[in-house]
Protein backbone atom coordinates (compact mmCIF):
# COMPACT_ATOMS: atom_id res chain seq x y z
CA UNK A 1 176.34 182.33 89.13
CA UNK A 2 175.13 179.07 90.73
CA UNK A 3 175.08 175.73 88.96
CA UNK A 4 171.29 175.92 88.78
CA UNK A 5 171.38 179.27 87.00
CA UNK A 6 174.02 178.00 84.59
CA UNK A 7 171.85 175.04 83.65
CA UNK A 8 168.63 177.07 83.70
CA UNK A 9 166.73 174.77 86.09
CA UNK A 10 165.13 175.07 89.51
CA UNK A 11 167.38 174.29 92.51
CA UNK A 12 167.52 170.61 93.43
CA UNK A 13 165.66 169.46 90.31
CA UNK A 14 165.59 165.76 89.58
CA UNK A 15 168.42 164.12 87.68
CA UNK A 16 166.30 163.73 84.53
CA UNK A 17 165.61 167.46 84.33
CA UNK A 18 169.29 168.24 84.90
CA UNK A 19 170.36 165.91 82.08
CA UNK A 20 167.84 167.43 79.67
CA UNK A 21 169.00 170.96 80.47
CA UNK A 22 172.62 169.94 80.00
CA UNK A 23 171.91 168.28 76.65
CA UNK A 24 169.97 171.29 75.46
CA UNK A 25 172.76 173.74 76.27
CA UNK A 26 175.43 171.39 74.95
CA UNK A 27 174.08 171.96 71.42
CA UNK A 28 175.02 175.64 71.66
CA UNK A 29 178.31 175.33 73.59
CA UNK A 30 180.99 173.35 71.72
CA UNK A 31 184.26 172.48 73.52
CA UNK A 32 186.42 173.56 70.58
CA UNK A 33 184.71 176.90 70.03
CA UNK A 34 183.92 177.91 73.64
CA UNK A 35 186.18 175.89 75.95
CA UNK A 36 185.67 178.13 79.01
CA UNK A 37 181.89 178.13 78.72
CA UNK A 38 181.91 174.39 78.19
CA UNK A 39 184.05 173.78 81.30
CA UNK A 40 181.68 175.96 83.34
CA UNK A 41 178.66 174.10 81.93
CA UNK A 42 180.23 170.73 82.66
CA UNK A 43 181.18 171.76 86.17
CA UNK A 44 177.69 173.05 86.84
CA UNK A 45 176.26 169.79 85.51
CA UNK A 46 178.39 167.63 87.79
CA UNK A 47 177.81 169.91 90.81
CA UNK A 48 174.05 169.85 90.29
CA UNK A 49 174.09 166.07 90.04
CA UNK A 50 176.04 165.82 93.31
CA UNK A 51 173.80 168.24 95.16
CA UNK A 52 170.68 166.49 93.98
CA UNK A 53 172.05 163.10 94.99
CA UNK A 54 173.01 164.31 98.45
CA UNK A 55 169.66 166.01 98.94
CA UNK A 56 167.80 162.78 98.26
CA UNK A 57 165.90 161.34 101.31
CA UNK A 58 167.81 158.82 103.43
CA UNK A 59 166.41 155.36 104.01
CA UNK A 60 166.43 154.84 107.82
CA UNK A 61 166.32 151.09 107.41
CA UNK A 62 169.56 150.98 105.50
CA UNK A 63 172.75 149.76 107.11
CA UNK A 64 174.88 152.36 108.96
CA UNK A 65 177.99 153.52 107.19
CA UNK A 66 181.20 151.75 107.94
CA UNK A 67 183.73 153.95 109.79
CA UNK A 68 187.17 153.47 108.43
CA UNK A 69 190.15 153.30 110.80
CA UNK A 70 192.21 156.44 110.35
CA UNK A 71 195.26 154.58 111.53
CA UNK A 72 194.96 151.97 108.87
CA UNK A 73 198.08 151.61 106.87
CA UNK A 74 196.27 151.45 103.57
CA UNK A 75 193.78 154.12 102.41
CA UNK A 76 191.20 153.41 99.66
CA UNK A 77 192.20 154.79 96.28
CA UNK A 78 189.66 157.26 94.81
CA UNK A 79 188.45 156.44 91.31
CA UNK A 80 190.00 158.56 88.58
CA UNK A 81 188.05 161.65 87.53
CA UNK A 82 186.18 161.17 84.27
CA UNK A 83 187.58 162.80 81.15
CA UNK A 84 185.33 165.81 80.62
CA UNK A 85 186.14 166.20 76.96
CA UNK A 86 185.62 162.52 76.26
CA UNK A 87 182.22 162.58 77.96
CA UNK A 88 181.22 165.67 75.98
CA UNK A 89 182.27 163.93 72.76
CA UNK A 90 180.11 160.93 73.63
CA UNK A 91 177.16 163.20 74.40
CA UNK A 92 177.57 165.01 71.09
CA UNK A 93 177.76 161.75 69.17
CA UNK A 94 174.53 160.58 70.75
CA UNK A 95 172.84 163.85 69.88
CA UNK A 96 174.16 163.63 66.32
CA UNK A 97 172.80 160.10 65.93
CA UNK A 98 169.40 161.20 67.21
CA UNK A 99 169.36 164.18 64.86
CA UNK A 100 170.35 162.01 61.89
CA UNK A 101 167.58 159.55 62.65
CA UNK A 102 165.04 162.38 62.89
CA UNK A 103 166.32 163.86 59.62
CA UNK A 104 166.06 160.48 57.87
CA UNK A 105 162.45 160.16 59.04
CA UNK A 106 161.63 163.62 57.69
CA UNK A 107 163.22 162.76 54.33
CA UNK A 108 161.24 159.52 54.13
CA UNK A 109 158.01 161.35 54.91
CA UNK A 110 158.80 163.98 52.25
CA UNK A 111 159.52 161.32 49.61
CA UNK A 112 156.25 159.59 50.46
CA UNK A 113 154.42 162.93 50.18
CA UNK A 114 155.74 163.37 46.62
CA UNK A 115 154.70 159.85 45.65
CA UNK A 116 151.23 160.25 47.20
CA UNK A 117 150.64 163.52 45.35
CA UNK A 118 151.78 161.98 42.06
CA UNK A 119 149.42 159.03 42.44
CA UNK A 120 146.40 161.21 43.32
CA UNK A 121 144.68 161.81 39.97
CA UNK A 122 142.79 164.88 41.22
CA UNK A 123 145.36 166.67 43.37
CA UNK A 124 148.35 166.23 41.03
CA UNK A 125 146.82 168.50 38.36
CA UNK A 126 146.72 171.46 40.77
CA UNK A 127 149.86 173.60 40.50
CA UNK A 128 149.32 174.96 44.03
CA UNK A 129 149.69 171.52 45.61
CA UNK A 130 153.14 171.08 44.05
CA UNK A 131 154.19 174.60 44.97
CA UNK A 132 153.23 173.99 48.61
CA UNK A 133 155.18 170.72 48.74
CA UNK A 134 158.23 172.24 47.04
CA UNK A 135 158.17 175.03 49.64
CA UNK A 136 159.20 172.59 52.39
CA UNK A 137 162.18 174.08 54.29
CA UNK A 138 164.34 170.97 53.77
CA UNK A 139 164.16 171.45 49.98
CA UNK A 140 165.97 174.77 50.23
CA UNK A 141 169.12 172.63 50.28
CA UNK A 142 170.09 171.90 46.66
CA UNK A 143 171.52 168.43 47.37
CA UNK A 144 168.36 167.34 49.16
CA UNK A 145 166.17 168.76 46.40
CA UNK A 146 168.14 166.93 43.68
CA UNK A 147 167.94 163.70 45.67
CA UNK A 148 164.15 163.88 45.88
CA UNK A 149 163.97 164.77 42.18
CA UNK A 150 165.93 161.63 41.34
CA UNK A 151 163.49 159.56 43.42
CA UNK A 152 160.44 161.13 41.76
CA UNK A 153 161.57 160.89 38.12
CA UNK A 154 161.11 157.09 37.54
CA UNK A 155 157.57 157.22 38.91
CA UNK A 156 156.82 160.24 36.73
CA UNK A 157 158.04 158.48 33.57
CA UNK A 158 155.97 155.44 34.54
CA UNK A 159 152.91 157.69 34.80
CA UNK A 160 153.43 159.01 31.27
CA UNK A 161 153.86 155.47 29.95
CA UNK A 162 150.52 154.34 31.40
CA UNK A 163 147.81 154.85 28.77
CA UNK A 164 145.10 154.75 31.43
CA UNK A 165 146.51 157.73 33.35
CA UNK A 166 145.99 161.39 32.57
CA UNK A 167 149.39 163.11 32.08
CA UNK A 168 150.47 166.05 34.22
CA UNK A 169 149.65 169.55 32.95
CA UNK A 170 152.39 171.51 31.21
CA UNK A 171 152.76 174.10 34.00
CA UNK A 172 153.30 171.38 36.63
CA UNK A 173 155.94 169.67 34.47
CA UNK A 174 157.85 172.91 33.93
CA UNK A 175 157.69 173.71 37.67
CA UNK A 176 159.13 170.30 38.58
CA UNK A 177 161.90 170.57 36.00
CA UNK A 178 162.86 174.05 37.23
CA UNK A 179 162.97 172.74 40.81
CA UNK A 180 164.78 169.44 40.27
CA UNK A 181 167.03 170.43 37.30
CA UNK A 182 166.28 167.25 35.33
CA UNK A 183 167.12 168.78 31.94
CA UNK A 184 169.16 171.79 33.02
CA UNK A 185 172.14 169.98 34.56
CA UNK A 186 173.48 167.10 32.48
CA UNK A 187 176.02 166.19 35.18
CA UNK A 188 173.32 164.79 37.47
CA UNK A 189 173.12 160.99 37.52
CA UNK A 190 169.46 159.94 37.36
CA UNK A 191 168.05 156.40 37.93
CA UNK A 192 166.55 156.08 34.43
CA UNK A 193 167.87 154.82 31.13
CA UNK A 194 169.46 157.16 28.62
CA UNK A 195 166.69 156.55 26.09
CA UNK A 196 163.97 157.34 28.63
CA UNK A 197 165.80 160.51 29.64
CA UNK A 198 166.07 161.64 26.03
CA UNK A 199 162.35 161.14 25.54
CA UNK A 200 161.61 162.94 28.76
CA UNK A 201 163.71 165.93 27.66
CA UNK A 202 161.70 166.11 24.42
CA UNK A 203 158.52 165.92 26.48
CA UNK A 204 159.58 168.84 28.66
CA UNK A 205 160.42 170.88 25.55
CA UNK A 206 156.89 170.20 24.30
CA UNK A 207 155.50 171.25 27.70
CA UNK A 208 157.30 174.59 27.53
CA UNK A 209 156.07 175.04 23.96
CA UNK A 210 152.54 174.27 25.12
CA UNK A 211 152.68 177.08 27.69
CA UNK A 212 153.89 179.78 25.30
CA UNK A 213 151.81 178.71 22.28
CA UNK A 214 148.38 180.21 21.70
CA UNK A 215 145.39 178.32 20.29
CA UNK A 216 144.98 178.94 16.56
CA UNK A 217 142.15 181.07 15.21
CA UNK A 218 140.67 180.23 11.84
CA UNK A 219 139.38 183.30 9.97
CA UNK A 220 139.00 184.71 6.49
CA UNK A 221 142.77 184.82 6.14
CA UNK A 222 142.83 181.05 6.47
CA UNK A 223 140.10 180.72 3.80
CA UNK A 224 141.90 182.75 1.12
CA UNK A 225 145.26 181.10 1.90
CA UNK A 226 143.80 177.58 1.86
CA UNK A 227 141.80 178.00 -1.35
CA UNK A 228 143.95 180.31 -3.46
CA UNK A 229 147.59 180.03 -2.24
CA UNK A 230 149.64 177.20 -3.71
CA UNK A 231 151.66 174.74 -1.66
CA UNK A 232 150.97 173.27 1.72
CA UNK A 233 148.45 170.69 2.87
CA UNK A 234 144.73 170.58 3.65
CA UNK A 235 142.88 168.35 6.06
CA UNK A 236 139.56 166.77 5.11
CA UNK A 237 137.63 169.30 7.19
CA UNK A 238 139.44 172.24 5.64
CA UNK A 239 138.97 170.78 2.16
CA UNK A 240 135.20 170.34 2.40
CA UNK A 241 134.53 173.53 4.36
CA UNK A 242 136.65 175.59 1.98
CA UNK A 243 135.08 174.13 -1.17
CA UNK A 244 131.56 174.49 0.21
CA UNK A 245 132.17 178.14 1.11
CA UNK A 246 133.76 178.82 -2.28
CA UNK A 247 130.87 177.17 -4.10
CA UNK A 248 128.29 179.16 -2.14
CA UNK A 249 130.11 182.44 -2.88
CA UNK A 250 130.40 181.62 -6.60
CA UNK A 251 126.71 180.69 -6.68
CA UNK A 252 125.62 183.95 -5.09
CA UNK A 253 127.89 186.07 -7.30
CA UNK A 254 126.67 184.29 -10.41
CA UNK A 255 123.04 184.63 -9.42
CA UNK A 256 123.47 188.31 -8.66
CA UNK A 257 125.18 188.81 -12.03
CA UNK A 258 122.35 187.00 -13.79
CA UNK A 259 119.81 189.43 -12.33
CA UNK A 260 121.84 192.61 -12.64
CA UNK A 261 124.28 192.37 -15.57
CA UNK A 262 123.47 192.26 -19.28
CA UNK A 263 123.81 188.92 -21.05
CA UNK A 264 127.23 189.58 -22.59
CA UNK A 265 128.71 190.72 -19.30
CA UNK A 266 127.07 187.87 -17.44
CA UNK A 267 128.70 185.44 -19.86
CA UNK A 268 132.11 186.93 -19.13
CA UNK A 269 131.39 186.81 -15.40
CA UNK A 270 130.30 183.19 -15.65
CA UNK A 271 133.46 182.27 -17.53
CA UNK A 272 135.63 183.95 -14.87
CA UNK A 273 133.75 182.29 -12.02
CA UNK A 274 134.06 178.89 -13.71
CA UNK A 275 137.80 179.28 -14.19
CA UNK A 276 138.18 180.42 -10.58
CA UNK A 277 136.17 177.47 -9.35
CA UNK A 278 138.27 175.04 -11.41
CA UNK A 279 141.48 176.61 -10.05
CA UNK A 280 140.26 176.35 -6.46
CA UNK A 281 139.19 172.75 -6.97
CA UNK A 282 142.50 171.68 -8.54
CA UNK A 283 144.55 173.59 -5.96
CA UNK A 284 142.58 172.04 -3.09
CA UNK A 285 142.99 168.54 -4.54
CA UNK A 286 146.75 169.08 -4.91
CA UNK A 287 146.93 169.99 -1.23
CA UNK A 288 144.86 166.95 -0.26
CA UNK A 289 147.15 164.69 -2.29
CA UNK A 290 150.21 166.29 -0.62
CA UNK A 291 148.57 165.67 2.75
CA UNK A 292 148.55 161.93 2.04
CA UNK A 293 152.27 161.95 1.20
CA UNK A 294 151.75 160.92 -2.44
CA UNK A 295 153.27 162.40 -5.60
CA UNK A 296 150.92 165.17 -6.74
CA UNK A 297 151.75 165.10 -10.48
CA UNK A 298 151.53 161.31 -10.71
CA UNK A 299 148.14 161.21 -8.98
CA UNK A 300 146.75 163.98 -11.23
CA UNK A 301 147.83 162.06 -14.34
CA UNK A 302 146.30 158.82 -13.08
CA UNK A 303 143.13 160.71 -12.16
CA UNK A 304 142.63 161.73 -15.80
CA UNK A 305 142.07 158.07 -16.71
CA UNK A 306 140.64 156.94 -13.35
CA UNK A 307 138.54 159.82 -11.96
CA UNK A 308 137.50 157.88 -8.86
CA UNK A 309 141.07 158.36 -7.60
CA UNK A 310 140.19 161.96 -6.80
CA UNK A 311 137.34 160.81 -4.61
CA UNK A 312 139.72 158.46 -2.80
CA UNK A 313 142.14 161.28 -1.99
CA UNK A 314 139.31 163.62 -0.98
CA UNK A 315 138.35 161.21 1.81
CA UNK A 316 141.77 159.56 2.25
CA UNK A 317 143.88 159.38 5.40
CA UNK A 318 146.72 161.82 6.02
CA UNK A 319 150.40 161.01 6.05
CA UNK A 320 151.51 159.68 9.41
CA UNK A 321 153.49 161.97 11.65
CA UNK A 322 152.76 165.25 13.40
CA UNK A 323 155.20 167.64 11.75
CA UNK A 324 154.87 171.41 11.43
CA UNK A 325 153.58 170.99 7.86
CA UNK A 326 150.64 168.91 9.07
CA UNK A 327 147.57 171.21 9.04
CA UNK A 328 146.17 169.41 12.09
CA UNK A 329 149.15 170.07 14.33
CA UNK A 330 148.18 173.63 15.39
CA UNK A 331 144.83 172.38 16.67
CA UNK A 332 146.31 169.87 19.12
CA UNK A 333 148.23 170.61 22.32
CA UNK A 334 151.97 169.93 21.72
CA UNK A 335 152.18 168.17 25.08
CA UNK A 336 149.40 165.73 24.14
CA UNK A 337 151.18 164.88 20.88
CA UNK A 338 154.53 164.43 22.68
CA UNK A 339 153.12 162.19 25.43
CA UNK A 340 151.41 159.84 23.00
CA UNK A 341 154.24 159.84 20.47
CA UNK A 342 157.13 159.39 22.91
CA UNK A 343 155.62 157.14 25.60
CA UNK A 344 152.34 155.64 24.36
CA UNK A 345 153.04 154.20 20.94
CA UNK A 346 151.85 157.04 18.72
CA UNK A 347 149.25 159.78 18.64
CA UNK A 348 145.81 159.02 17.23
CA UNK A 349 143.25 161.72 16.59
CA UNK A 350 139.84 160.77 15.21
CA UNK A 351 138.27 162.69 12.36
CA UNK A 352 135.42 163.79 14.59
CA UNK A 353 137.85 165.26 17.12
CA UNK A 354 139.79 167.09 14.41
CA UNK A 355 136.60 168.52 12.90
CA UNK A 356 135.33 169.69 16.27
CA UNK A 357 138.62 171.42 17.11
CA UNK A 358 138.70 173.10 13.70
CA UNK A 359 135.14 174.41 13.93
CA UNK A 360 135.74 175.64 17.49
CA UNK A 361 138.79 177.59 16.30
CA UNK A 362 136.79 179.62 13.76
CA UNK A 363 136.57 183.35 14.43
CA UNK A 364 133.12 184.93 14.89
CA UNK A 365 133.47 186.87 11.63
CA UNK A 366 134.08 183.68 9.64
CA UNK A 367 131.34 181.79 11.48
CA UNK A 368 128.65 184.42 10.98
CA UNK A 369 129.86 185.10 7.43
CA UNK A 370 129.53 181.42 6.51
CA UNK A 371 126.08 181.22 8.04
CA UNK A 372 124.96 184.28 6.10
CA UNK A 373 126.44 183.04 2.81
CA UNK A 374 125.03 179.54 3.13
CA UNK A 375 121.62 180.87 4.15
CA UNK A 376 121.56 183.29 1.25
CA UNK A 377 122.64 180.57 -1.20
CA UNK A 378 119.91 178.20 -0.03
CA UNK A 379 117.30 180.94 -0.13
CA UNK A 380 118.36 181.96 -3.61
CA UNK A 381 118.21 178.38 -4.82
CA UNK A 382 114.65 178.07 -3.49
CA UNK A 383 113.56 181.31 -5.16
CA UNK A 384 115.05 180.36 -8.49
């Protein structure tokens, strides 16, 4: 096999082409692993260089060569042959430096791509954009992936701390945590404070809870539990909706009994309805007082002498904190509560927002039932 075939180039190619072919094949032929193939490649490289140099055109205007005297007592000493292995080592070091520089540029571009996606308010909410970026071949290496996760985390925490920015959706947060192992591997050193990392772990737990939780549905079961079961808390919306529905039902039942039942039975029915209405009213007020965090028995005693206290607790503010006992908690996304509580100084939910979420959670049977009952009660009041 000729030197040209060994290098994979055309005969008498220029020196630049020969060097490129040699460098390309040197990546696959290592002196330690394939010494014979490397020696053949190196020999072909040097032979091709010599043949190309000798085949170069001769300048006729150059000076004629000097003919040495064969009888001279001293002959010129030929320069020592270059160390083949040393030259190969130098070539490999140069290639390694070039590859490292190219790899560093790719890593920088990838880090910038993560930052650009995070700062884009529209694209960062799309799960597909993050999946496409995480599918980059370089991120198949765990060390590289963890390194980029450590670079992204401070900017992500800064995003959640900014009240003007919309937080990332729960599915995107869970995807990033599964990819970068922020909360799964406690041995990883991350460039954030311990307090910030603890808050971020709680935030990710809320994100996972947000994915698996289902929006609540308010139906007739809620009505009977809220009005007749003891214990628990009631929001303002639940209090007024429940009492209004109870009052309308009692009014219709009483009116129907007045028309249908004899007087003695109607009296008994009226007494039972009155007692039921008093029980529902007291039970609902106890739950409203508990919602404010006050002592129920003490407030009821004070209300006997100062009745306006009941009105205060009917419209009063709830106890601060979004615990599981708070009746408003199921109507708000856990991730929204966690973001505002952990990074933005506390969660605030207006009464109008709470009422709208509660009414939107009502089942069709409860909605149409309430409309029918209220319509019938109004109609009956007009006819009477």
